[in-house]
Amino acid sequence: FSIHLKDKTGKNANPANTNMPWGQ
């Protein structure tokens, strides 16, 4: 029905699974 949008790093990134300003 709907999709929540946020920009995060991925599971294997450093730092992992972290909320970031959009575009970063």
PDB file of all heavy atoms in Angstrom:
ATOM      1  N   PHE A   1       0.834  -1.202   0.000  1.00  0.00           N
ATOM      2  CA  PHE A   1       0.000   0.000   0.000  1.00  0.00           C
ATOM      3  C   PHE A   1       0.870   1.253   0.000  1.00  0.00           C
ATOM      4  O   PHE A   1       0.575   2.224  -0.706  1.00  0.00           O
ATOM      5  CB  PHE A   1      -0.913   0.011   1.227  1.00  0.00           C
ATOM      6  CG  PHE A   1      -1.865   1.177   1.248  1.00  0.00           C
ATOM      7  CD1 PHE A   1      -3.086   1.104   0.589  1.00  0.00           C
ATOM      8  CD2 PHE A   1      -1.533   2.350   1.904  1.00  0.00           C
ATOM      9  CE1 PHE A   1      -3.957   2.183   0.587  1.00  0.00           C
ATOM     10  CE2 PHE A   1      -2.398   3.433   1.914  1.00  0.00           C
ATOM     11  CZ  PHE A   1      -3.612   3.348   1.253  1.00  0.00           C
ATOM     12  N   SER A   2       1.931   1.228   0.790  1.00  0.00           N
ATOM     13  CA  SER A   2       2.783   2.405   0.900  1.00  0.00           C
ATOM     14  C   SER A   2       4.211   1.979   1.208  1.00  0.00           C
ATOM     15  O   SER A   2       4.457   0.861   1.678  1.00  0.00           O
ATOM     16  CB  SER A   2       2.272   3.352   1.988  1.00  0.00           C
ATOM     17  OG  SER A   2       2.306   2.715   3.254  1.00  0.00           O
ATOM     18  N   ILE A   3       5.147   2.891   0.946  1.00  0.00           N
ATOM     19  CA  ILE A   3       6.567   2.637   1.170  1.00  0.00           C
ATOM     20  C   ILE A   3       7.144   3.789   1.985  1.00  0.00           C
ATOM     21  O   ILE A   3       6.976   4.960   1.628  1.00  0.00           O
ATOM     22  CB  ILE A   3       7.332   2.511  -0.168  1.00  0.00           C
ATOM     23  CG1 ILE A   3       6.833   1.297  -0.958  1.00  0.00           C
ATOM     24  CG2 ILE A   3       8.842   2.415   0.076  1.00  0.00           C
ATOM     25  CD1 ILE A   3       7.421   1.191  -2.355  1.00  0.00           C
ATOM     26  N   HIS A   4       7.803   3.462   3.083  1.00  0.00           N
ATOM     27  CA  HIS A   4       8.509   4.472   3.855  1.00  0.00           C
ATOM     28  C   HIS A   4       9.884   4.695   3.243  1.00  0.00           C
ATOM     29  O   HIS A   4      10.637   3.741   3.011  1.00  0.00           O
ATOM     30  CB  HIS A   4       8.669   4.025   5.310  1.00  0.00           C
ATOM     31  CG  HIS A   4       7.490   4.326   6.163  1.00  0.00           C
ATOM     32  ND1 HIS A   4       7.485   4.147   7.530  1.00  0.00           N
ATOM     33  CD2 HIS A   4       6.252   4.813   5.862  1.00  0.00           C
ATOM     34  CE1 HIS A   4       6.309   4.499   8.025  1.00  0.00           C
ATOM     35  NE2 HIS A   4       5.552   4.906   7.025  1.00  0.00           N
ATOM     36  N   LEU A   5      10.201   5.967   3.012  1.00  0.00           N
ATOM     37  CA  LEU A   5      11.487   6.326   2.433  1.00  0.00           C
ATOM     38  C   LEU A   5      12.415   6.906   3.488  1.00  0.00           C
ATOM     39  O   LEU A   5      12.025   7.801   4.246  1.00  0.00           O
ATOM     40  CB  LEU A   5      11.297   7.355   1.325  1.00  0.00           C
ATOM     41  CG  LEU A   5      10.684   6.888   0.008  1.00  0.00           C
ATOM     42  CD1 LEU A   5      10.519   8.076  -0.929  1.00  0.00           C
ATOM     43  CD2 LEU A   5      11.541   5.806  -0.650  1.00  0.00           C
ATOM     44  N   LYS A   6      13.626   6.412   3.522  1.00  0.00           N
ATOM     45  CA  LYS A   6      14.715   6.975   4.315  1.00  0.00           C
ATOM     46  C   LYS A   6      16.002   6.557   3.652  1.00  0.00           C
ATOM     47  O   LYS A   6      16.013   5.613   2.849  1.00  0.00           O
ATOM     48  CB  LYS A   6      14.649   6.499   5.770  1.00  0.00           C
ATOM     49  CG  LYS A   6      14.569   4.982   5.945  1.00  0.00           C
ATOM     50  CD  LYS A   6      14.606   4.583   7.406  1.00  0.00           C
ATOM     51  CE  LYS A   6      13.397   5.066   8.187  1.00  0.00           C
ATOM     52  NZ  LYS A   6      12.186   4.257   7.881  1.00  0.00           N
ATOM     53  N   ASP A   7      17.088   7.224   3.928  1.00  0.00           N
ATOM     54  CA  ASP A   7      18.375   6.873   3.341  1.00  0.00           C
ATOM     55  C   ASP A   7      19.259   6.283   4.434  1.00  0.00           C
ATOM     56  O   ASP A   7      19.529   6.936   5.446  1.00  0.00           O
ATOM     57  CB  ASP A   7      19.047   8.104   2.729  1.00  0.00           C
ATOM     58  CG  ASP A   7      20.110   7.738   1.699  1.00  0.00           C
ATOM     59  OD1 ASP A   7      20.391   6.535   1.537  1.00  0.00           O
ATOM     60  OD2 ASP A   7      20.657   8.653   1.046  1.00  0.00           O
ATOM     61  N   LYS A   8      19.654   5.028   4.235  1.00  0.00           N
ATOM     62  CA  LYS A   8      20.481   4.342   5.229  1.00  0.00           C
ATOM     63  C   LYS A   8      21.681   3.691   4.555  1.00  0.00           C
ATOM     64  O   LYS A   8      21.688   3.481   3.337  1.00  0.00           O
ATOM     65  CB  LYS A   8      19.667   3.238   5.947  1.00  0.00           C
ATOM     66  CG  LYS A   8      18.438   3.737   6.667  1.00  0.00           C
ATOM     67  CD  LYS A   8      17.793   2.642   7.501  1.00  0.00           C
ATOM     68  CE  LYS A   8      18.563   2.408   8.782  1.00  0.00           C
ATOM     69  NZ  LYS A   8      17.840   1.545   9.729  1.00  0.00           N
ATOM     70  N   THR A   9      22.657   3.373   5.355  1.00  0.00           N
ATOM     71  CA  THR A   9      23.732   2.523   4.865  1.00  0.00           C
ATOM     72  C   THR A   9      23.260   1.077   4.929  1.00  0.00           C
ATOM     73  O   THR A   9      22.313   0.754   5.652  1.00  0.00           O
ATOM     74  CB  THR A   9      25.004   2.687   5.723  1.00  0.00           C
ATOM     75  OG1 THR A   9      24.687   2.361   7.090  1.00  0.00           O
ATOM     76  CG2 THR A   9      25.525   4.122   5.656  1.00  0.00           C
ATOM     77  N   GLY A  10      23.919   0.203   4.176  1.00  0.00           N
ATOM     78  CA  GLY A  10      23.488  -1.185   4.103  1.00  0.00           C
ATOM     79  C   GLY A  10      24.036  -2.047   5.226  1.00  0.00           C
ATOM     80  O   GLY A  10      24.780  -1.588   6.113  1.00  0.00           O
ATOM     81  N   LYS A  11      23.691  -3.287   5.166  1.00  0.00           N
ATOM     82  CA  LYS A  11      24.044  -4.255   6.216  1.00  0.00           C
ATOM     83  C   LYS A  11      25.545  -4.392   6.398  1.00  0.00           C
ATOM     84  O   LYS A  11      26.029  -4.549   7.525  1.00  0.00           O
ATOM     85  CB  LYS A  11      23.422  -5.610   5.863  1.00  0.00           C
ATOM     86  CG  LYS A  11      23.728  -6.721   6.860  1.00  0.00           C
ATOM     87  CD  LYS A  11      23.109  -8.032   6.402  1.00  0.00           C
ATOM     88  CE  LYS A  11      23.411  -9.153   7.386  1.00  0.00           C
ATOM     89  NZ  LYS A  11      22.825 -10.440   6.921  1.00  0.00           N
ATOM     90  N   ASN A  12      26.301  -4.351   5.309  1.00  0.00           N
ATOM     91  CA  ASN A  12      27.737  -4.601   5.380  1.00  0.00           C
ATOM     92  C   ASN A  12      28.576  -3.336   5.228  1.00  0.00           C
ATOM     93  O   ASN A  12      29.786  -3.408   5.037  1.00  0.00           O
ATOM     94  CB  ASN A  12      28.134  -5.612   4.298  1.00  0.00           C
ATOM     95  CG  ASN A  12      27.429  -6.946   4.484  1.00  0.00           C
ATOM     96  OD1 ASN A  12      27.335  -7.459   5.595  1.00  0.00           O
ATOM     97  ND2 ASN A  12      26.894  -7.495   3.400  1.00  0.00           N
ATOM     98  N   ALA A  13      27.927  -2.183   5.320  1.00  0.00           N
ATOM     99  CA  ALA A  13      28.650  -0.921   5.202  1.00  0.00           C
ATOM    100  C   ALA A  13      29.339  -0.584   6.529  1.00  0.00           C
ATOM    101  O   ALA A  13      29.161  -1.265   7.538  1.00  0.00           O
ATOM    102  CB  ALA A  13      27.689   0.193   4.811  1.00  0.00           C
ATOM    103  N   ASN A  14      30.129   0.465   6.519  1.00  0.00           N
ATOM    104  CA  ASN A  14      30.790   0.928   7.740  1.00  0.00           C
ATOM    105  C   ASN A  14      30.621   2.448   7.834  1.00  0.00           C
ATOM    106  O   ASN A  14      31.251   3.168   7.074  1.00  0.00           O
ATOM    107  CB  ASN A  14      32.273   0.560   7.725  1.00  0.00           C
ATOM    108  CG  ASN A  14      32.965   0.943   9.033  1.00  0.00           C
ATOM    109  OD1 ASN A  14      32.308   1.116  10.054  1.00  0.00           O
ATOM    110  ND2 ASN A  14      34.286   1.093   8.977  1.00  0.00           N
ATOM    111  N   PRO A  15      29.741   2.931   8.715  1.00  0.00           N
ATOM    112  CA  PRO A  15      28.946   2.181   9.677  1.00  0.00           C
ATOM    113  C   PRO A  15      27.764   1.476   8.997  1.00  0.00           C
ATOM    114  O   PRO A  15      27.248   1.971   7.990  1.00  0.00           O
ATOM    115  CB  PRO A  15      28.449   3.252  10.639  1.00  0.00           C
ATOM    116  CG  PRO A  15      28.353   4.483   9.782  1.00  0.00           C
ATOM    117  CD  PRO A  15      29.503   4.385   8.823  1.00  0.00           C
ATOM    118  N   ALA A  16      27.339   0.362   9.549  1.00  0.00           N
ATOM    119  CA  ALA A  16      26.257  -0.425   8.963  1.00  0.00           C
ATOM    120  C   ALA A  16      24.899   0.068   9.461  1.00  0.00           C
ATOM    121  O   ALA A  16      24.775   0.571  10.577  1.00  0.00           O
ATOM    122  CB  ALA A  16      26.435  -1.893   9.318  1.00  0.00           C
ATOM    123  N   ASN A  17      23.879  -0.082   8.598  1.00  0.00           N
ATOM    124  CA  ASN A  17      22.486   0.137   8.978  1.00  0.00           C
ATOM    125  C   ASN A  17      22.304   1.443   9.758  1.00  0.00           C
ATOM    126  O   ASN A  17      21.765   1.464  10.857  1.00  0.00           O
ATOM    127  CB  ASN A  17      21.995  -1.063   9.820  1.00  0.00           C
ATOM    128  CG  ASN A  17      20.495  -1.028  10.053  1.00  0.00           C
ATOM    129  OD1 ASN A  17      19.748  -0.461   9.278  1.00  0.00           O
ATOM    130  ND2 ASN A  17      20.065  -1.642  11.141  1.00  0.00           N
ATOM    131  N   THR A  18      22.764   2.531   9.162  1.00  0.00           N
ATOM    132  CA  THR A  18      22.754   3.820   9.850  1.00  0.00           C
ATOM    133  C   THR A  18      21.969   4.844   9.044  1.00  0.00           C
ATOM    134  O   THR A  18      22.163   4.978   7.839  1.00  0.00           O
ATOM    135  CB  THR A  18      24.202   4.325  10.046  1.00  0.00           C
ATOM    136  OG1 THR A  18      24.925   3.359  10.818  1.00  0.00           O
ATOM    137  CG2 THR A  18      24.231   5.655  10.773  1.00  0.00           C
ATOM    138  N   ASN A  19      21.076   5.571   9.709  1.00  0.00           N
ATOM    139  CA  ASN A  19      20.321   6.630   9.052  1.00  0.00           C
ATOM    140  C   ASN A  19      21.239   7.772   8.671  1.00  0.00           C
ATOM    141  O   ASN A  19      22.055   8.235   9.475  1.00  0.00           O
ATOM    142  CB  ASN A  19      19.214   7.151   9.985  1.00  0.00           C
ATOM    143  CG  ASN A  19      18.094   6.163  10.180  1.00  0.00           C
ATOM    144  OD1 ASN A  19      17.454   5.748   9.222  1.00  0.00           O
ATOM    145  ND2 ASN A  19      17.846   5.776  11.425  1.00  0.00           N
ATOM    146  N   MET A  20      21.080   8.257   7.435  1.00  0.00           N
ATOM    147  CA  MET A  20      21.930   9.315   6.911  1.00  0.00           C
ATOM    148  C   MET A  20      21.065  10.401   6.264  1.00  0.00           C
ATOM    149  O   MET A  20      19.948  10.133   5.819  1.00  0.00           O
ATOM    150  CB  MET A  20      22.875   8.748   5.845  1.00  0.00           C
ATOM    151  CG  MET A  20      23.762   7.615   6.319  1.00  0.00           C
ATOM    152  SD  MET A  20      25.040   8.133   7.474  1.00  0.00           S
ATOM    153  CE  MET A  20      26.164   8.970   6.341  1.00  0.00           C
ATOM    154  N   PRO A  21      21.580  11.657   6.203  1.00  0.00           N
ATOM    155  CA  PRO A  21      20.886  12.658   5.389  1.00  0.00           C
ATOM    156  C   PRO A  21      20.746  12.138   3.967  1.00  0.00           C
ATOM    157  O   PRO A  21      21.638  11.469   3.449  1.00  0.00           O
ATOM    158  CB  PRO A  21      21.837  13.866   5.448  1.00  0.00           C
ATOM    159  CG  PRO A  21      22.589  13.694   6.723  1.00  0.00           C
ATOM    160  CD  PRO A  21      22.774  12.207   6.880  1.00  0.00           C
ATOM    161  N   TRP A  22      19.631  12.449   3.340  1.00  0.00           N
ATOM    162  CA  TRP A  22      19.357  11.892   2.009  1.00  0.00           C
ATOM    163  C   TRP A  22      20.441  12.314   1.020  1.00  0.00           C
ATOM    164  O   TRP A  22      20.821  13.480   0.947  1.00  0.00           O
ATOM    165  CB  TRP A  22      17.986  12.352   1.540  1.00  0.00           C
ATOM    166  CG  TRP A  22      16.866  11.645   2.254  1.00  0.00           C
ATOM    167  CD1 TRP A  22      16.878  11.140   3.526  1.00  0.00           C
ATOM    168  CD2 TRP A  22      15.568  11.370   1.744  1.00  0.00           C
ATOM    169  NE1 TRP A  22      15.667  10.580   3.824  1.00  0.00           N
ATOM    170  CE2 TRP A  22      14.840  10.702   2.749  1.00  0.00           C
ATOM    171  CE3 TRP A  22      14.940  11.632   0.545  1.00  0.00           C
ATOM    172  CZ2 TRP A  22      13.528  10.297   2.595  1.00  0.00           C
ATOM    173  CZ3 TRP A  22      13.624  11.231   0.369  1.00  0.00           C
ATOM    174  CH2 TRP A  22      12.921  10.564   1.385  1.00  0.00           C
ATOM    175  N   GLY A  23      20.910  11.330   0.281  1.00  0.00           N
ATOM    176  CA  GLY A  23      21.993  11.549  -0.658  1.00  0.00           C
ATOM    177  C   GLY A  23      23.344  11.139  -0.110  1.00  0.00           C
ATOM    178  O   GLY A  23      24.314  11.026  -0.855  1.00  0.00           O
ATOM    179  N   GLN A  24      23.418  10.872   1.201  1.00  0.00           N
ATOM    180  CA  GLN A  24      24.681  10.459   1.814  1.00  0.00           C
ATOM    181  C   GLN A  24      24.697   8.982   2.195  1.00  0.00           C
ATOM    182  O   GLN A  24      25.731   8.445   2.555  1.00  0.00           O
ATOM    183  CB  GLN A  24      24.972  11.314   3.057  1.00  0.00           C
ATOM    184  CG  GLN A  24      25.185  12.780   2.737  1.00  0.00           C
ATOM    185  CD  GLN A  24      25.511  13.606   3.964  1.00  0.00           C
ATOM    186  OE1 GLN A  24      26.048  13.096   4.945  1.00  0.00           O
ATOM    187  NE2 GLN A  24      25.178  14.895   3.926  1.00  0.00           N
TER     188      GLN A  24
END
